[in-house]
PDB file of all heavy atoms in Angstrom:
ATOM      1  N   LYS A   1    -114.427 -95.844  92.763  1.00  0.00           N
ATOM      2  CA  LYS A   1    -114.519 -94.418  92.483  1.00  0.00           C
ATOM      3  C   LYS A   1    -113.165 -93.717  92.537  1.00  0.00           C
ATOM      4  O   LYS A   1    -112.806 -92.973  91.621  1.00  0.00           O
ATOM      5  CB  LYS A   1    -115.491 -93.774  93.475  1.00  0.00           C
ATOM      6  CG  LYS A   1    -115.696 -92.293  93.292  1.00  0.00           C
ATOM      7  CD  LYS A   1    -116.740 -91.784  94.279  1.00  0.00           C
ATOM      8  CE  LYS A   1    -116.953 -90.297  94.152  1.00  0.00           C
ATOM      9  NZ  LYS A   1    -117.985 -89.806  95.104  1.00  0.00           N
ATOM     10  N   MET A   2    -112.392 -93.948  93.606  1.00  0.00           N
ATOM     11  CA  MET A   2    -111.124 -93.250  93.769  1.00  0.00           C
ATOM     12  C   MET A   2    -110.143 -93.580  92.649  1.00  0.00           C
ATOM     13  O   MET A   2    -109.501 -92.693  92.087  1.00  0.00           O
ATOM     14  CB  MET A   2    -110.509 -93.592  95.126  1.00  0.00           C
ATOM     15  CG  MET A   2    -111.321 -93.108  96.309  1.00  0.00           C
ATOM     16  SD  MET A   2    -111.659 -91.320  96.265  1.00  0.00           S
ATOM     17  CE  MET A   2    -109.987 -90.667  96.376  1.00  0.00           C
ATOM     18  N   GLY A   3    -110.050 -94.868  92.303  1.00  0.00           N
ATOM     19  CA  GLY A   3    -109.168 -95.269  91.221  1.00  0.00           C
ATOM     20  C   GLY A   3    -109.597 -94.695  89.892  1.00  0.00           C
ATOM     21  O   GLY A   3    -108.770 -94.255  89.076  1.00  0.00           O
ATOM     22  N   PHE A   4    -110.907 -94.667  89.649  1.00  0.00           N
ATOM     23  CA  PHE A   4    -111.455 -94.130  88.406  1.00  0.00           C
ATOM     24  C   PHE A   4    -111.143 -92.642  88.271  1.00  0.00           C
ATOM     25  O   PHE A   4    -110.699 -92.179  87.215  1.00  0.00           O
ATOM     26  CB  PHE A   4    -112.956 -94.362  88.373  1.00  0.00           C
ATOM     27  CG  PHE A   4    -113.669 -93.662  87.253  1.00  0.00           C
ATOM     28  CD1 PHE A   4    -113.618 -94.151  85.956  1.00  0.00           C
ATOM     29  CD2 PHE A   4    -114.389 -92.490  87.491  1.00  0.00           C
ATOM     30  CE1 PHE A   4    -114.269 -93.500  84.912  1.00  0.00           C
ATOM     31  CE2 PHE A   4    -115.041 -91.836  86.466  1.00  0.00           C
ATOM     32  CZ  PHE A   4    -114.979 -92.344  85.168  1.00  0.00           C
ATOM     33  N   LEU A   5    -111.345 -91.886  89.354  1.00  0.00           N
ATOM     34  CA  LEU A   5    -111.103 -90.447  89.301  1.00  0.00           C
ATOM     35  C   LEU A   5    -109.617 -90.128  89.171  1.00  0.00           C
ATOM     36  O   LEU A   5    -109.230 -89.181  88.478  1.00  0.00           O
ATOM     37  CB  LEU A   5    -111.692 -89.767  90.538  1.00  0.00           C
ATOM     38  CG  LEU A   5    -113.223 -89.793  90.637  1.00  0.00           C
ATOM     39  CD1 LEU A   5    -113.691 -89.137  91.921  1.00  0.00           C
ATOM     40  CD2 LEU A   5    -113.860 -89.116  89.425  1.00  0.00           C
ATOM     41  N   LYS A   6    -108.756 -90.910  89.828  1.00  0.00           N
ATOM     42  CA  LYS A   6    -107.310 -90.704  89.708  1.00  0.00           C
ATOM     43  C   LYS A   6    -106.857 -90.968  88.274  1.00  0.00           C
ATOM     44  O   LYS A   6    -106.050 -90.212  87.712  1.00  0.00           O
ATOM     45  CB  LYS A   6    -106.546 -91.605  90.667  1.00  0.00           C
ATOM     46  CG  LYS A   6    -105.031 -91.360  90.655  1.00  0.00           C
ATOM     47  CD  LYS A   6    -104.307 -92.254  91.621  1.00  0.00           C
ATOM     48  CE  LYS A   6    -102.805 -91.904  91.664  1.00  0.00           C
ATOM     49  NZ  LYS A   6    -102.173 -91.916  90.348  1.00  0.00           N
ATOM     50  N   GLU A   7    -107.372 -92.032  87.692  1.00  0.00           N
ATOM     51  CA  GLU A   7    -107.027 -92.344  86.301  1.00  0.00           C
ATOM     52  C   GLU A   7    -107.495 -91.238  85.366  1.00  0.00           C
ATOM     53  O   GLU A   7    -106.794 -90.862  84.416  1.00  0.00           O
ATOM     54  CB  GLU A   7    -107.670 -93.675  85.910  1.00  0.00           C
ATOM     55  CG  GLU A   7    -107.320 -94.138  84.507  1.00  0.00           C
ATOM     56  CD  GLU A   7    -107.952 -95.469  84.160  1.00  0.00           C
ATOM     57  OE1 GLU A   7    -108.449 -96.155  85.090  1.00  0.00           O
ATOM     58  OE2 GLU A   7    -107.962 -95.832  82.967  1.00  0.00           O
ATOM     59  N   LEU A   8    -108.676 -90.692  85.630  1.00  0.00           N
ATOM     60  CA  LEU A   8    -109.200 -89.590  84.827  1.00  0.00           C
ATOM     61  C   LEU A   8    -108.286 -88.369  84.912  1.00  0.00           C
ATOM     62  O   LEU A   8    -107.934 -87.774  83.887  1.00  0.00           O
ATOM     63  CB  LEU A   8    -110.610 -89.229  85.309  1.00  0.00           C
ATOM     64  CG  LEU A   8    -111.218 -87.952  84.719  1.00  0.00           C
ATOM     65  CD1 LEU A   8    -111.488 -88.132  83.233  1.00  0.00           C
ATOM     66  CD2 LEU A   8    -112.502 -87.572  85.458  1.00  0.00           C
ATOM     67  N   GLU A   9    -107.890 -88.013  86.140  1.00  0.00           N
ATOM     68  CA  GLU A   9    -107.038 -86.846  86.333  1.00  0.00           C
ATOM     69  C   GLU A   9    -105.673 -87.044  85.668  1.00  0.00           C
ATOM     70  O   GLU A   9    -105.151 -86.126  85.013  1.00  0.00           O
ATOM     71  CB  GLU A   9    -106.863 -86.579  87.830  1.00  0.00           C
ATOM     72  CG  GLU A   9    -108.134 -86.103  88.512  1.00  0.00           C
ATOM     73  CD  GLU A   9    -107.956 -85.987  90.012  1.00  0.00           C
ATOM     74  OE1 GLU A   9    -106.846 -86.302  90.510  1.00  0.00           O
ATOM     75  OE2 GLU A   9    -108.921 -85.595  90.693  1.00  0.00           O
ATOM     76  N   ASP A  10    -105.089 -88.232  85.841  1.00  0.00           N
ATOM     77  CA  ASP A  10    -103.779 -88.504  85.231  1.00  0.00           C
ATOM     78  C   ASP A  10    -103.861 -88.453  83.714  1.00  0.00           C
ATOM     79  O   ASP A  10    -102.960 -87.931  83.037  1.00  0.00           O
ATOM     80  CB  ASP A  10    -103.267 -89.876  85.680  1.00  0.00           C
ATOM     81  CG  ASP A  10    -102.871 -89.897  87.153  1.00  0.00           C
ATOM     82  OD1 ASP A  10    -102.712 -88.807  87.732  1.00  0.00           O
ATOM     83  OD2 ASP A  10    -102.751 -91.006  87.715  1.00  0.00           O
ATOM     84  N   ASP A  11    -104.948 -88.978  83.162  1.00  0.00           N
ATOM     85  CA  ASP A  11    -105.122 -88.986  81.718  1.00  0.00           C
ATOM     86  C   ASP A  11    -105.292 -87.562  81.180  1.00  0.00           C
ATOM     87  O   ASP A  11    -104.709 -87.201  80.150  1.00  0.00           O
ATOM     88  CB  ASP A  11    -106.340 -89.836  81.354  1.00  0.00           C
ATOM     89  CG  ASP A  11    -106.514 -89.991  79.847  1.00  0.00           C
ATOM     90  OD1 ASP A  11    -105.566 -90.476  79.194  1.00  0.00           O
ATOM     91  OD2 ASP A  11    -107.575 -89.623  79.322  1.00  0.00           O
ATOM     92  N   LEU A  12    -106.077 -86.737  81.881  1.00  0.00           N
ATOM     93  CA  LEU A  12    -106.247 -85.340  81.486  1.00  0.00           C
ATOM     94  C   LEU A  12    -104.907 -84.606  81.510  1.00  0.00           C
ATOM     95  O   LEU A  12    -104.589 -83.830  80.605  1.00  0.00           O
ATOM     96  CB  LEU A  12    -107.235 -84.647  82.427  1.00  0.00           C
ATOM     97  CG  LEU A  12    -108.724 -84.921  82.210  1.00  0.00           C
ATOM     98  CD1 LEU A  12    -109.544 -84.300  83.335  1.00  0.00           C
ATOM     99  CD2 LEU A  12    -109.185 -84.384  80.863  1.00  0.00           C
ATOM    100  N   TYR A  13    -104.146 -84.853  82.548  1.00  0.00           N
ATOM    101  CA  TYR A  13    -102.836 -84.207  82.712  1.00  0.00           C
ATOM    102  C   TYR A  13    -101.903 -84.570  81.567  1.00  0.00           C
ATOM    103  O   TYR A  13    -101.307 -83.698  80.915  1.00  0.00           O
ATOM    104  CB  TYR A  13    -102.232 -84.612  84.055  1.00  0.00           C
ATOM    105  CG  TYR A  13    -100.861 -84.032  84.310  1.00  0.00           C
ATOM    106  CD1 TYR A  13    -100.713 -82.802  84.951  1.00  0.00           C
ATOM    107  CD2 TYR A  13     -99.716 -84.720  83.917  1.00  0.00           C
ATOM    108  CE1 TYR A  13     -99.449 -82.274  85.191  1.00  0.00           C
ATOM    109  CE2 TYR A  13     -98.454 -84.193  84.155  1.00  0.00           C
ATOM    110  CZ  TYR A  13     -98.331 -82.971  84.791  1.00  0.00           C
ATOM    111  OH  TYR A  13     -97.075 -82.448  85.010  1.00  0.00           O
ATOM    112  N   ASP A  14    -101.774 -85.892  81.301  1.00  0.00           N
ATOM    113  CA  ASP A  14    -100.849 -86.355  80.268  1.00  0.00           C
ATOM    114  C   ASP A  14    -101.233 -85.810  78.891  1.00  0.00           C
ATOM    115  O   ASP A  14    -100.365 -85.357  78.117  1.00  0.00           O
ATOM    116  CB  ASP A  14    -100.825 -87.886  80.236  1.00  0.00           C
ATOM    117  CG  ASP A  14    -100.187 -88.475  81.491  1.00  0.00           C
ATOM    118  OD1 ASP A  14     -99.456 -87.735  82.177  1.00  0.00           O
ATOM    119  OD2 ASP A  14    -100.443 -89.653  81.784  1.00  0.00           O
ATOM    120  N   LYS A  15    -102.511 -85.829  78.570  1.00  0.00           N
ATOM    121  CA  LYS A  15    -102.957 -85.362  77.257  1.00  0.00           C
ATOM    122  C   LYS A  15    -102.775 -83.855  77.115  1.00  0.00           C
ATOM    123  O   LYS A  15    -102.417 -83.357  76.037  1.00  0.00           O
ATOM    124  CB  LYS A  15    -104.424 -85.743  77.038  1.00  0.00           C
ATOM    125  CG  LYS A  15    -104.629 -87.225  76.779  1.00  0.00           C
ATOM    126  CD  LYS A  15    -106.095 -87.547  76.507  1.00  0.00           C
ATOM    127  CE  LYS A  15    -106.262 -89.025  76.190  1.00  0.00           C
ATOM    128  NZ  LYS A  15    -107.687 -89.387  75.963  1.00  0.00           N
ATOM    129  N   ALA A  16    -103.043 -83.103  78.206  1.00  0.00           N
ATOM    130  CA  ALA A  16    -102.892 -81.652  78.145  1.00  0.00           C
ATOM    131  C   ALA A  16    -101.432 -81.263  77.940  1.00  0.00           C
ATOM    132  O   ALA A  16    -101.114 -80.348  77.166  1.00  0.00           O
ATOM    133  CB  ALA A  16    -103.433 -81.022  79.428  1.00  0.00           C
ATOM    134  N   VAL A  17    -100.519 -81.970  78.617  1.00  0.00           N
ATOM    135  CA  VAL A  17     -99.088 -81.700  78.451  1.00  0.00           C
ATOM    136  C   VAL A  17     -98.657 -82.052  77.029  1.00  0.00           C
ATOM    137  O   VAL A  17     -97.918 -81.300  76.371  1.00  0.00           O
ATOM    138  CB  VAL A  17     -98.267 -82.490  79.485  1.00  0.00           C
ATOM    139  CG1 VAL A  17     -96.770 -82.388  79.167  1.00  0.00           C
ATOM    140  CG2 VAL A  17     -98.555 -81.976  80.896  1.00  0.00           C
ATOM    141  N   GLU A  18     -99.125 -83.195  76.562  1.00  0.00           N
ATOM    142  CA  GLU A  18     -98.759 -83.660  75.221  1.00  0.00           C
ATOM    143  C   GLU A  18     -99.227 -82.690  74.140  1.00  0.00           C
ATOM    144  O   GLU A  18     -98.533 -82.446  73.146  1.00  0.00           O
ATOM    145  CB  GLU A  18     -99.363 -85.043  74.987  1.00  0.00           C
ATOM    146  CG  GLU A  18     -99.017 -85.651  73.639  1.00  0.00           C
ATOM    147  CD  GLU A  18     -99.672 -87.011  73.438  1.00  0.00           C
ATOM    148  OE1 GLU A  18    -100.086 -87.632  74.436  1.00  0.00           O
ATOM    149  OE2 GLU A  18     -99.770 -87.445  72.280  1.00  0.00           O
ATOM    150  N   LYS A  19    -100.402 -82.087  74.316  1.00  0.00           N
ATOM    151  CA  LYS A  19    -100.957 -81.179  73.315  1.00  0.00           C
ATOM    152  C   LYS A  19    -100.477 -79.740  73.493  1.00  0.00           C
ATOM    153  O   LYS A  19    -100.851 -78.854  72.713  1.00  0.00           O
ATOM    154  CB  LYS A  19    -102.488 -81.203  73.390  1.00  0.00           C
ATOM    155  CG  LYS A  19    -103.096 -82.520  72.970  1.00  0.00           C
ATOM    156  CD  LYS A  19    -104.612 -82.477  73.096  1.00  0.00           C
ATOM    157  CE  LYS A  19    -105.252 -83.797  72.668  1.00  0.00           C
ATOM    158  NZ  LYS A  19    -106.724 -83.758  72.819  1.00  0.00           N
ATOM    159  N   GLY A  20     -99.675 -79.520  74.490  1.00  0.00           N
ATOM    160  CA  GLY A  20     -99.155 -78.173  74.707  1.00  0.00           C
ATOM    161  C   GLY A  20    -100.127 -77.242  75.379  1.00  0.00           C
ATOM    162  O   GLY A  20     -99.959 -76.007  75.365  1.00  0.00           O
ATOM    163  N   GLN A  21    -101.180 -77.780  75.982  1.00  0.00           N
ATOM    164  CA  GLN A  21    -102.150 -76.939  76.682  1.00  0.00           C
ATOM    165  C   GLN A  21    -101.618 -76.449  78.025  1.00  0.00           C
ATOM    166  O   GLN A  21    -102.139 -75.510  78.606  1.00  0.00           O
ATOM    167  CB  GLN A  21    -103.458 -77.732  76.900  1.00  0.00           C
ATOM    168  CG  GLN A  21    -104.167 -78.098  75.606  1.00  0.00           C
ATOM    169  CD  GLN A  21    -105.348 -79.028  75.833  1.00  0.00           C
ATOM    170  OE1 GLN A  21    -105.350 -79.807  76.763  1.00  0.00           O
ATOM    171  NE2 GLN A  21    -106.373 -78.892  74.987  1.00  0.00           N
ATOM    172  N   VAL A  22    -100.563 -77.122  78.504  1.00  0.00           N
ATOM    173  CA  VAL A  22     -99.936 -76.738  79.768  1.00  0.00           C
ATOM    174  C   VAL A  22     -98.526 -76.257  79.450  1.00  0.00           C
ATOM    175  O   VAL A  22     -97.785 -76.914  78.726  1.00  0.00           O
ATOM    176  CB  VAL A  22     -99.898 -77.917  80.744  1.00  0.00           C
ATOM    177  CG1 VAL A  22     -99.205 -77.496  82.049  1.00  0.00           C
ATOM    178  CG2 VAL A  22    -101.289 -78.457  81.024  1.00  0.00           C
ATOM    179  N   LYS A  23     -98.163 -75.111  79.985  1.00  0.00           N
ATOM    180  CA  LYS A  23     -96.820 -74.588  79.763  1.00  0.00           C
ATOM    181  C   LYS A  23     -96.143 -74.411  81.105  1.00  0.00           C
ATOM    182  O   LYS A  23     -96.723 -73.930  82.072  1.00  0.00           O
ATOM    183  CB  LYS A  23     -96.877 -73.264  79.025  1.00  0.00           C
ATOM    184  CG  LYS A  23     -97.517 -73.382  77.637  1.00  0.00           C
ATOM    185  CD  LYS A  23     -97.408 -72.091  76.864  1.00  0.00           C
ATOM    186  CE  LYS A  23     -98.080 -72.185  75.509  1.00  0.00           C
ATOM    187  NZ  LYS A  23     -97.514 -73.252  74.662  1.00  0.00           N
ATOM    188  N   PHE A  24     -94.889 -74.839  81.189  1.00  0.00           N
ATOM    189  CA  PHE A  24     -94.078 -74.703  82.399  1.00  0.00           C
ATOM    190  C   PHE A  24     -93.052 -73.596  82.189  1.00  0.00           C
ATOM    191  O   PHE A  24     -92.426 -73.511  81.124  1.00  0.00           O
ATOM    192  CB  PHE A  24     -93.376 -76.031  82.717  1.00  0.00           C
ATOM    193  CG  PHE A  24     -94.311 -77.170  82.955  1.00  0.00           C
ATOM    194  CD1 PHE A  24     -94.625 -78.063  81.937  1.00  0.00           C
ATOM    195  CD2 PHE A  24     -94.886 -77.373  84.210  1.00  0.00           C
ATOM    196  CE1 PHE A  24     -95.471 -79.114  82.146  1.00  0.00           C
ATOM    197  CE2 PHE A  24     -95.736 -78.429  84.425  1.00  0.00           C
ATOM    198  CZ  PHE A  24     -96.041 -79.317  83.399  1.00  0.00           C
ATOM    199  N   TYR A  25     -92.861 -72.760  83.180  1.00  0.00           N
ATOM    200  CA  TYR A  25     -91.908 -71.665  83.086  1.00  0.00           C
ATOM    201  C   TYR A  25     -90.859 -71.836  84.204  1.00  0.00           C
ATOM    202  O   TYR A  25     -91.177 -71.787  85.388  1.00  0.00           O
ATOM    203  CB  TYR A  25     -92.615 -70.327  83.242  1.00  0.00           C
ATOM    204  CG  TYR A  25     -93.631 -70.096  82.158  1.00  0.00           C
ATOM    205  CD1 TYR A  25     -94.985 -70.417  82.369  1.00  0.00           C
ATOM    206  CD2 TYR A  25     -93.276 -69.563  80.917  1.00  0.00           C
ATOM    207  CE1 TYR A  25     -95.923 -70.237  81.376  1.00  0.00           C
ATOM    208  CE2 TYR A  25     -94.210 -69.365  79.911  1.00  0.00           C
ATOM    209  CZ  TYR A  25     -95.524 -69.693  80.139  1.00  0.00           C
ATOM    210  OH  TYR A  25     -96.464 -69.508  79.156  1.00  0.00           O
ATOM    211  N   THR A  26     -89.673 -72.111  83.774  1.00  0.00           N
ATOM    212  CA  THR A  26     -88.554 -72.278  84.724  1.00  0.00           C
ATOM    213  C   THR A  26     -87.431 -71.338  84.361  1.00  0.00           C
ATOM    214  O   THR A  26     -87.304 -70.893  83.215  1.00  0.00           O
ATOM    215  CB  THR A  26     -88.044 -73.734  84.705  1.00  0.00           C
ATOM    216  OG1 THR A  26     -87.594 -74.058  83.389  1.00  0.00           O
ATOM    217  CG2 THR A  26     -89.143 -74.701  85.134  1.00  0.00           C
TER     218      THR A  26
END
């Protein structure tokens, strides 16, 4: 379960960044 959920979260993060759904302001 823990590995599956971590992989899910990492995959969501990477795809959201790649598609521009996440914006960073520095």
